[in-house]
Amino acid sequence: MKASKEREIVSALQFLIYILFCLFALSVIFWISRSIYNAWFYNDAPITATVIGSVIIPLFILFIILVSRVFWTLVREGSTGLYDEEVGRTQ
């Protein structure tokens, strides 16, 4: 019973960290997009902002995809019961 409760707490914390990371990455994407818009609107180095944004935005999208895949793999493997809690390794 105690191990089940601990597992629920760990799962909730992992999910919270995942949500916070996605929120951070989406905020960076929004911030860069807004910077590109402002640079073009005020004619303040629009090419530089576009080039920087064209590198950073796909990078953060890639980060979101990679973290999502790792997170959901951990969730899937944890729910199948392949992890032996007494020994601490997979069977």
Protein backbone atom coordinates (compact mmCIF):
# COMPACT_ATOMS: atom_id res chain seq x y z
CA MET A 1 0.00 0.00 0.00
CA LYS A 2 2.80 2.41 0.89
CA ALA A 3 4.68 1.67 -2.35
CA SER A 4 1.52 2.39 -4.31
CA LYS A 5 1.09 5.77 -2.62
CA GLU A 6 4.75 6.64 -3.22
CA ARG A 7 4.38 5.66 -6.87
CA GLU A 8 1.35 7.97 -7.21
CA ILE A 9 3.28 10.87 -5.66
CA VAL A 10 6.26 10.30 -7.94
CA SER A 11 3.97 10.07 -10.98
CA ALA A 12 2.22 13.31 -10.01
CA LEU A 13 5.56 15.10 -9.59
CA GLN A 14 6.81 13.79 -12.93
CA PHE A 15 3.64 14.99 -14.61
CA LEU A 16 3.98 18.40 -12.95
CA ILE A 17 7.58 18.71 -14.16
CA TYR A 18 6.49 17.71 -17.66
CA ILE A 19 3.70 20.31 -17.71
CA LEU A 20 6.04 23.03 -16.38
CA PHE A 21 8.66 22.20 -19.01
CA CYS A 22 6.09 22.34 -21.81
CA LEU A 23 4.79 25.64 -20.47
CA PHE A 24 8.33 27.02 -20.38
CA ALA A 25 9.12 25.86 -23.92
CA LEU A 26 5.86 27.22 -25.31
CA SER A 27 6.52 30.52 -23.53
CA VAL A 28 9.94 30.76 -25.18
CA ILE A 29 8.39 30.03 -28.58
CA PHE A 30 5.73 32.70 -28.00
CA TRP A 31 8.36 35.19 -26.79
CA ILE A 32 10.57 34.63 -29.85
CA SER A 33 7.56 34.88 -32.16
CA ARG A 34 6.56 38.15 -30.53
CA SER A 35 10.15 39.42 -30.85
CA ILE A 36 10.13 38.62 -34.57
CA TYR A 37 6.82 40.46 -34.99
CA ASN A 38 8.09 43.52 -33.09
CA ALA A 39 11.34 43.55 -35.07
CA TRP A 40 9.43 43.58 -38.36
CA PHE A 41 6.82 46.06 -37.13
CA TYR A 42 9.38 48.58 -35.81
CA ASN A 43 11.95 47.78 -38.53
CA ASP A 44 14.54 46.98 -35.88
CA ALA A 45 16.88 44.32 -37.30
CA PRO A 46 14.10 42.12 -38.71
CA ILE A 47 16.44 39.77 -40.56
CA THR A 48 18.46 39.05 -37.43
CA ALA A 49 15.33 38.35 -35.39
CA THR A 50 13.99 36.07 -38.11
CA VAL A 51 17.23 34.10 -38.35
CA ILE A 52 17.51 33.69 -34.59
CA GLY A 53 13.85 32.70 -34.38
CA SER A 54 14.17 30.21 -37.21
CA VAL A 55 16.83 28.40 -35.19
CA ILE A 56 15.39 28.66 -31.69
CA ILE A 57 11.74 27.83 -32.44
CA PRO A 58 12.42 24.44 -34.12
CA LEU A 59 14.93 23.65 -31.38
CA PHE A 60 12.33 24.14 -28.66
CA ILE A 61 9.76 22.19 -30.66
CA LEU A 62 12.29 19.36 -30.82
CA PHE A 63 12.84 19.63 -27.06
CA ILE A 64 9.10 19.35 -26.45
CA ILE A 65 8.87 16.27 -28.70
CA LEU A 66 11.85 14.55 -27.04
CA VAL A 67 10.71 15.26 -23.49
CA SER A 68 7.19 14.11 -24.38
CA ARG A 69 8.46 10.82 -25.78
CA VAL A 70 10.64 10.18 -22.74
CA PHE A 71 7.83 11.08 -20.34
CA TRP A 72 5.22 8.90 -22.00
CA THR A 73 7.69 6.01 -22.27
CA LEU A 74 8.30 6.28 -18.53
CA VAL A 75 4.55 6.31 -17.90
CA ARG A 76 3.98 3.31 -20.16
CA GLU A 77 6.83 1.26 -18.67
CA GLY A 78 5.80 2.16 -15.14
CA SER A 79 2.22 1.08 -15.72
CA THR A 80 3.13 -2.35 -17.14
CA GLY A 81 4.71 -3.48 -13.88
CA LEU A 82 8.05 -4.45 -15.42
CA TYR A 83 9.89 -2.71 -12.61
CA ASP A 84 10.66 -4.89 -9.61
CA GLU A 85 10.45 -2.63 -6.57
CA GLU A 86 12.33 -4.90 -4.12
CA VAL A 87 15.35 -5.43 -6.37
CA GLY A 88 15.26 -2.05 -8.09
CA ARG A 89 15.89 -3.26 -11.63
CA THR A 90 13.94 -4.55 -14.60
CA GLN A 91 13.27 -8.26 -14.96
